[in-house]
Structure formats: structure tokens, C-alpha cells
Amino acid sequence: MKTVSALKHVVAPALAAGVLVTAFAAPAVAQEPPGSTVVRSSGTVSLNARSGVSNYVTVSSASGRLIVEDQSGITAGPGCTRLSSTAAACGATATATRLAFSLGNWSDVLSVGVAVSSSVNAGSGTDVITTGGGNDSVNASDGVGGNDWVTCDGGSSDSAFADPGDSVSRDCERRFPLS
């Protein structure tokens, strides 16, 4: 009986401490969903940003694969493979025919480092857009002049739609309005 009594003296305080710790433990914090989702359908790779997030998106090629990164987090949808919480591989760069970006309603940065034609809807907010060597179309018009910067690197038939006062580089062959 002395063993049972001694055991009660050891177990009871330990059990009480465990209950006390559990009662005061902080609840789990819900993790924010990634800032964007990327998918590939045939030759088109599309990125859609989640509303209420500032996105920092880069597109590059590594070992022949098209790599899409978003520092606010990325979900790899159909046609893409998750590399990390911020990067996805979306098939062969050589077979990509179009990149499509919908950046959403906050300030965003997009840098395309591949020679694939791009369509960009920058959304509202202060945006910095640099496209690659394809023939690109960029819509940076959000009704607020002077808050967006667009550069079209390469291509021979780039179009940029922006508000008066936005900065649109001369390498965007067609600028609306002309700046």
C-alpha cells in the first residue's frame, strides 16, 4: 500500500500541472493562405494573386524548367509542382507560350526573366512591373496617376496601359496614354 500512496503523491501533482499547462496554452493561430496560385494549362502559365496581399513575383528558368516565385507564398495548382512555400515549377520553359498575371489590389512587384509573352493585370496599388523578352501587354491603369512603373524588356510589340503620371519605359512600344 505504501507504493500506491507514494505513487499518488508523485502522479497527482504531475497530472495537475499537465492540466494547468493545457488550460493556459495559447490556441493555434490560423495560418494565412499563400499570396497566389499558379497553374499551367497547355502552354499558358497563369498566376492569380489573393486579394489583400502584396505580392513579389519573379519568373525565371532553371534547368529548362519555368520557375514562378511569390515571396508572399504560392500554391502550385494543376500543371505545376511545389518546390517550396514560395516557389513552383511549371513545366518546360521552351514549351511555355504565354504568361498571364492577375496581381490584385495591393502594391505588387513582378519581374519576368524569360522570353515568353506576358499579359499582366497589375490591379490597384503601387506596382512595379518588368516583363521579359516576349511581346507583352500590361494593364497598370488603376485610376491613380504616378504610382506605377512599367518596363517592357525585349519584344517588338509591347503594349502598356497606364494612368497619366505613371512611369512607362520607352521599350514598351505602345503606351496608352503616351508618356
C-alpha atoms as a PDB file:
ATOM      1  CA  MET A   1       0.000   0.000   0.000  1.00  0.00           C
ATOM      2  CA  LYS A   2       2.890   2.329   0.639  1.00  0.00           C
ATOM      3  CA  THR A   3       3.834   2.082  -3.069  1.00  0.00           C
ATOM      4  CA  VAL A   4       0.343   3.153  -4.157  1.00  0.00           C
ATOM      5  CA  SER A   5       0.370   6.036  -1.671  1.00  0.00           C
ATOM      6  CA  ALA A   6       3.812   7.179  -2.829  1.00  0.00           C
ATOM      7  CA  LEU A   7       2.709   6.899  -6.453  1.00  0.00           C
ATOM      8  CA  LYS A   8      -0.339   9.096  -5.732  1.00  0.00           C
ATOM      9  CA  HIS A   9       1.940  11.770  -4.297  1.00  0.00           C
ATOM     10  CA  VAL A  10       4.057  11.813  -7.468  1.00  0.00           C
ATOM     11  CA  VAL A  11       1.384  11.350 -10.140  1.00  0.00           C
ATOM     12  CA  ALA A  12      -1.260  13.710  -8.738  1.00  0.00           C
ATOM     13  CA  PRO A  13       0.905  16.882  -8.857  1.00  0.00           C
ATOM     14  CA  ALA A  14       2.264  15.965 -12.302  1.00  0.00           C
ATOM     15  CA  LEU A  15      -1.251  15.375 -13.631  1.00  0.00           C
ATOM     16  CA  ALA A  16      -2.464  18.656 -12.139  1.00  0.00           C
ATOM     17  CA  ALA A  17       0.469  20.514 -13.701  1.00  0.00           C
ATOM     18  CA  GLY A  18      -0.337  18.976 -17.095  1.00  0.00           C
ATOM     19  CA  VAL A  19      -3.981  20.023 -16.843  1.00  0.00           C
ATOM     20  CA  LEU A  20      -2.950  23.525 -15.768  1.00  0.00           C
ATOM     21  CA  VAL A  21      -0.500  23.923 -18.662  1.00  0.00           C
ATOM     22  CA  THR A  22      -3.071  22.636 -21.160  1.00  0.00           C
ATOM     23  CA  ALA A  23      -5.731  25.010 -19.814  1.00  0.00           C
ATOM     24  CA  PHE A  24      -3.494  28.047 -20.333  1.00  0.00           C
ATOM     25  CA  ALA A  25      -1.909  27.015 -23.636  1.00  0.00           C
ATOM     26  CA  ALA A  26      -2.420  29.518 -26.431  1.00  0.00           C
ATOM     27  CA  PRO A  27      -4.806  28.413 -29.165  1.00  0.00           C
ATOM     28  CA  ALA A  28      -3.283  27.551 -32.531  1.00  0.00           C
ATOM     29  CA  VAL A  29      -3.054  30.551 -34.852  1.00  0.00           C
ATOM     30  CA  ALA A  30      -4.676  30.051 -38.246  1.00  0.00           C
ATOM     31  CA  GLN A  31      -2.057  30.175 -40.966  1.00  0.00           C
ATOM     32  CA  GLU A  32      -2.630  32.712 -43.725  1.00  0.00           C
ATOM     33  CA  PRO A  33      -3.214  31.162 -47.147  1.00  0.00           C
ATOM     34  CA  PRO A  34      -0.475  31.716 -49.749  1.00  0.00           C
ATOM     35  CA  GLY A  35      -0.440  35.013 -51.611  1.00  0.00           C
ATOM     36  CA  SER A  36      -1.049  33.480 -55.035  1.00  0.00           C
ATOM     37  CA  THR A  37      -1.890  30.368 -57.026  1.00  0.00           C
ATOM     38  CA  VAL A  38      -0.122  29.332 -60.229  1.00  0.00           C
ATOM     39  CA  VAL A  39      -1.413  26.841 -62.809  1.00  0.00           C
ATOM     40  CA  ARG A  40      -0.344  25.632 -66.239  1.00  0.00           C
ATOM     41  CA  SER A  41      -2.761  24.633 -68.969  1.00  0.00           C
ATOM     42  CA  SER A  42      -1.048  23.606 -72.207  1.00  0.00           C
ATOM     43  CA  GLY A  43       1.453  26.389 -72.908  1.00  0.00           C
ATOM     44  CA  THR A  44      -0.175  29.058 -70.710  1.00  0.00           C
ATOM     45  CA  VAL A  45       1.039  29.653 -67.161  1.00  0.00           C
ATOM     46  CA  SER A  46      -1.342  31.786 -65.057  1.00  0.00           C
ATOM     47  CA  LEU A  47      -0.787  33.374 -61.652  1.00  0.00           C
ATOM     48  CA  ASN A  48      -3.699  34.785 -59.648  1.00  0.00           C
ATOM     49  CA  ALA A  49      -2.959  36.806 -56.517  1.00  0.00           C
ATOM     50  CA  ARG A  50      -5.133  36.590 -53.436  1.00  0.00           C
ATOM     51  CA  SER A  51      -6.951  39.808 -52.534  1.00  0.00           C
ATOM     52  CA  GLY A  52      -5.420  41.851 -49.723  1.00  0.00           C
ATOM     53  CA  VAL A  53      -1.828  40.689 -50.251  1.00  0.00           C
ATOM     54  CA  SER A  54       1.252  42.485 -51.590  1.00  0.00           C
ATOM     55  CA  ASN A  55       2.930  40.093 -53.994  1.00  0.00           C
ATOM     56  CA  TYR A  56       6.600  39.954 -55.009  1.00  0.00           C
ATOM     57  CA  VAL A  57       6.612  37.657 -58.042  1.00  0.00           C
ATOM     58  CA  THR A  58       9.575  36.525 -60.137  1.00  0.00           C
ATOM     59  CA  VAL A  59       9.629  34.225 -63.146  1.00  0.00           C
ATOM     60  CA  SER A  60      12.847  32.534 -64.222  1.00  0.00           C
ATOM     61  CA  SER A  61      14.170  29.420 -65.887  1.00  0.00           C
ATOM     62  CA  ALA A  62      16.320  26.820 -64.136  1.00  0.00           C
ATOM     63  CA  SER A  63      17.496  23.591 -65.768  1.00  0.00           C
ATOM     64  CA  GLY A  64      14.948  24.184 -68.537  1.00  0.00           C
ATOM     65  CA  ARG A  65      12.039  24.476 -66.088  1.00  0.00           C
ATOM     66  CA  LEU A  66       9.860  27.563 -65.725  1.00  0.00           C
ATOM     67  CA  ILE A  67      10.081  28.699 -62.084  1.00  0.00           C
ATOM     68  CA  VAL A  68       7.444  31.017 -60.592  1.00  0.00           C
ATOM     69  CA  GLU A  69       8.103  32.505 -57.151  1.00  0.00           C
ATOM     70  CA  ASP A  70       5.995  34.697 -54.888  1.00  0.00           C
ATOM     71  CA  GLN A  71       7.554  35.825 -51.618  1.00  0.00           C
ATOM     72  CA  SER A  72       4.076  36.072 -50.069  1.00  0.00           C
ATOM     73  CA  GLY A  73       3.641  32.330 -50.643  1.00  0.00           C
ATOM     74  CA  ILE A  74       2.429  30.305 -53.618  1.00  0.00           C
ATOM     75  CA  THR A  75       0.109  27.381 -54.216  1.00  0.00           C
ATOM     76  CA  ALA A  76       1.043  25.086 -57.121  1.00  0.00           C
ATOM     77  CA  GLY A  77      -2.153  24.209 -58.978  1.00  0.00           C
ATOM     78  CA  PRO A  78      -2.638  21.802 -61.901  1.00  0.00           C
ATOM     79  CA  GLY A  79       0.337  21.664 -64.257  1.00  0.00           C
ATOM     80  CA  CYS A  80       2.783  22.992 -61.643  1.00  0.00           C
ATOM     81  CA  THR A  81       4.822  21.342 -58.890  1.00  0.00           C
ATOM     82  CA  ARG A  82       5.560  22.866 -55.496  1.00  0.00           C
ATOM     83  CA  LEU A  83       9.276  23.450 -54.888  1.00  0.00           C
ATOM     84  CA  SER A  84       8.866  25.343 -51.596  1.00  0.00           C
ATOM     85  CA  SER A  85       6.300  27.517 -49.845  1.00  0.00           C
ATOM     86  CA  THR A  86       7.282  30.374 -52.189  1.00  0.00           C
ATOM     87  CA  ALA A  87       8.218  28.598 -55.459  1.00  0.00           C
ATOM     88  CA  ALA A  88       6.671  26.314 -58.074  1.00  0.00           C
ATOM     89  CA  ALA A  89       7.976  24.690 -61.260  1.00  0.00           C
ATOM     90  CA  CYS A  90       5.504  24.904 -64.146  1.00  0.00           C
ATOM     91  CA  GLY A  91       6.849  22.652 -66.875  1.00  0.00           C
ATOM     92  CA  ALA A  92       9.404  23.300 -69.558  1.00  0.00           C
ATOM     93  CA  THR A  93      10.270  26.909 -70.316  1.00  0.00           C
ATOM     94  CA  ALA A  94      10.680  26.045 -74.020  1.00  0.00           C
ATOM     95  CA  THR A  95       7.023  24.974 -74.323  1.00  0.00           C
ATOM     96  CA  ALA A  96       5.529  27.949 -72.467  1.00  0.00           C
ATOM     97  CA  THR A  97       3.708  30.185 -74.956  1.00  0.00           C
ATOM     98  CA  ARG A  98       2.051  32.723 -72.650  1.00  0.00           C
ATOM     99  CA  LEU A  99       2.298  34.009 -69.083  1.00  0.00           C
ATOM    100  CA  ALA A 100      -0.783  35.598 -67.505  1.00  0.00           C
ATOM    101  CA  PHE A 101      -0.701  37.535 -64.228  1.00  0.00           C
ATOM    102  CA  SER A 102      -3.528  38.989 -62.169  1.00  0.00           C
ATOM    103  CA  LEU A 103      -1.801  40.776 -59.294  1.00  0.00           C
ATOM    104  CA  GLY A 104      -4.710  42.008 -57.239  1.00  0.00           C
ATOM    105  CA  ASN A 105      -5.457  45.022 -55.140  1.00  0.00           C
ATOM    106  CA  TRP A 106      -2.320  45.863 -53.179  1.00  0.00           C
ATOM    107  CA  SER A 107       1.167  47.079 -54.088  1.00  0.00           C
ATOM    108  CA  ASP A 108       2.953  44.399 -56.097  1.00  0.00           C
ATOM    109  CA  VAL A 109       6.258  43.714 -57.842  1.00  0.00           C
ATOM    110  CA  LEU A 110       6.530  41.469 -60.920  1.00  0.00           C
ATOM    111  CA  SER A 111       9.800  40.604 -62.645  1.00  0.00           C
ATOM    112  CA  VAL A 112       9.706  38.271 -65.654  1.00  0.00           C
ATOM    113  CA  GLY A 113      13.153  36.961 -66.571  1.00  0.00           C
ATOM    114  CA  VAL A 114      12.185  34.735 -69.516  1.00  0.00           C
ATOM    115  CA  ALA A 115      11.442  35.480 -73.187  1.00  0.00           C
ATOM    116  CA  VAL A 116       7.780  34.437 -73.069  1.00  0.00           C
ATOM    117  CA  SER A 117       4.942  36.812 -73.970  1.00  0.00           C
ATOM    118  CA  SER A 118       3.070  38.087 -70.916  1.00  0.00           C
ATOM    119  CA  SER A 119      -0.343  39.536 -70.130  1.00  0.00           C
ATOM    120  CA  VAL A 120      -0.361  41.488 -66.868  1.00  0.00           C
ATOM    121  CA  ASN A 121      -3.273  42.976 -64.957  1.00  0.00           C
ATOM    122  CA  ALA A 122      -1.490  44.913 -62.210  1.00  0.00           C
ATOM    123  CA  GLY A 123      -4.662  45.801 -60.295  1.00  0.00           C
ATOM    124  CA  SER A 124      -4.749  48.696 -57.859  1.00  0.00           C
ATOM    125  CA  GLY A 125      -1.941  49.817 -55.589  1.00  0.00           C
ATOM    126  CA  THR A 126       1.595  50.926 -56.294  1.00  0.00           C
ATOM    127  CA  ASP A 127       3.011  48.385 -58.756  1.00  0.00           C
ATOM    128  CA  VAL A 128       6.413  47.797 -60.341  1.00  0.00           C
ATOM    129  CA  ILE A 129       6.190  45.621 -63.452  1.00  0.00           C
ATOM    130  CA  THR A 130       9.118  44.369 -65.563  1.00  0.00           C
ATOM    131  CA  THR A 131       8.272  41.964 -68.359  1.00  0.00           C
ATOM    132  CA  GLY A 132      10.641  39.682 -70.274  1.00  0.00           C
ATOM    133  CA  GLY A 133      11.611  39.323 -73.921  1.00  0.00           C
ATOM    134  CA  GLY A 134       8.193  38.392 -75.327  1.00  0.00           C
ATOM    135  CA  ASN A 135       5.533  40.632 -76.827  1.00  0.00           C
ATOM    136  CA  ASP A 136       3.753  41.807 -73.706  1.00  0.00           C
ATOM    137  CA  SER A 137       0.544  43.554 -72.699  1.00  0.00           C
ATOM    138  CA  VAL A 138       0.487  45.329 -69.329  1.00  0.00           C
ATOM    139  CA  ASN A 139      -2.549  46.976 -67.753  1.00  0.00           C
ATOM    140  CA  ALA A 140      -1.341  49.187 -64.906  1.00  0.00           C
ATOM    141  CA  SER A 141      -4.275  51.584 -65.121  1.00  0.00           C
ATOM    142  CA  ASP A 142      -5.980  51.853 -61.736  1.00  0.00           C
ATOM    143  CA  GLY A 143      -7.282  55.421 -61.786  1.00  0.00           C
ATOM    144  CA  VAL A 144      -4.356  56.756 -59.743  1.00  0.00           C
ATOM    145  CA  GLY A 145      -1.593  58.516 -61.660  1.00  0.00           C
ATOM    146  CA  GLY A 146       2.046  58.445 -60.625  1.00  0.00           C
ATOM    147  CA  ASN A 147       2.015  55.236 -58.597  1.00  0.00           C
ATOM    148  CA  ASP A 148       3.017  52.561 -61.141  1.00  0.00           C
ATOM    149  CA  TRP A 149       6.232  51.759 -63.033  1.00  0.00           C
ATOM    150  CA  VAL A 150       6.250  49.580 -66.167  1.00  0.00           C
ATOM    151  CA  THR A 151       9.278  48.323 -68.103  1.00  0.00           C
ATOM    152  CA  CYS A 152       8.997  46.047 -71.152  1.00  0.00           C
ATOM    153  CA  ASP A 153      12.345  44.294 -71.633  1.00  0.00           C
ATOM    154  CA  GLY A 154      12.621  42.994 -75.165  1.00  0.00           C
ATOM    155  CA  GLY A 155       9.896  42.049 -77.583  1.00  0.00           C
ATOM    156  CA  SER A 156       8.952  44.218 -80.525  1.00  0.00           C
ATOM    157  CA  SER A 157       5.242  44.717 -79.931  1.00  0.00           C
ATOM    158  CA  ASP A 158       4.714  45.555 -76.253  1.00  0.00           C
ATOM    159  CA  SER A 159       1.667  47.496 -75.038  1.00  0.00           C
ATOM    160  CA  ALA A 160       1.301  49.290 -71.711  1.00  0.00           C
ATOM    161  CA  PHE A 161      -1.905  50.831 -70.423  1.00  0.00           C
ATOM    162  CA  ALA A 162      -1.291  53.244 -67.558  1.00  0.00           C
ATOM    163  CA  ASP A 163      -2.633  56.385 -65.921  1.00  0.00           C
ATOM    164  CA  PRO A 164      -1.217  59.857 -66.633  1.00  0.00           C
ATOM    165  CA  GLY A 165       1.830  60.293 -64.402  1.00  0.00           C
ATOM    166  CA  ASP A 166       2.687  56.582 -64.215  1.00  0.00           C
ATOM    167  CA  SER A 167       6.181  55.724 -65.439  1.00  0.00           C
ATOM    168  CA  VAL A 168       6.165  53.641 -68.630  1.00  0.00           C
ATOM    169  CA  SER A 169       9.533  52.999 -70.248  1.00  0.00           C
ATOM    170  CA  ARG A 170      10.169  53.698 -73.932  1.00  0.00           C
ATOM    171  CA  ASP A 171      10.837  49.997 -74.581  1.00  0.00           C
ATOM    172  CA  CYS A 172       7.066  49.492 -74.291  1.00  0.00           C
ATOM    173  CA  GLU A 173       6.436  50.267 -77.959  1.00  0.00           C
ATOM    174  CA  ARG A 174       2.766  51.233 -77.480  1.00  0.00           C
ATOM    175  CA  ARG A 175       1.932  53.340 -74.417  1.00  0.00           C
ATOM    176  CA  PHE A 176      -1.606  54.400 -73.522  1.00  0.00           C
ATOM    177  CA  PRO A 177      -1.762  57.195 -72.598  1.00  0.00           C
ATOM    178  CA  LEU A 178       1.504  58.211 -74.239  1.00  0.00           C
ATOM    179  CA  SER A 179       4.076  59.294 -71.688  1.00  0.00           C
END
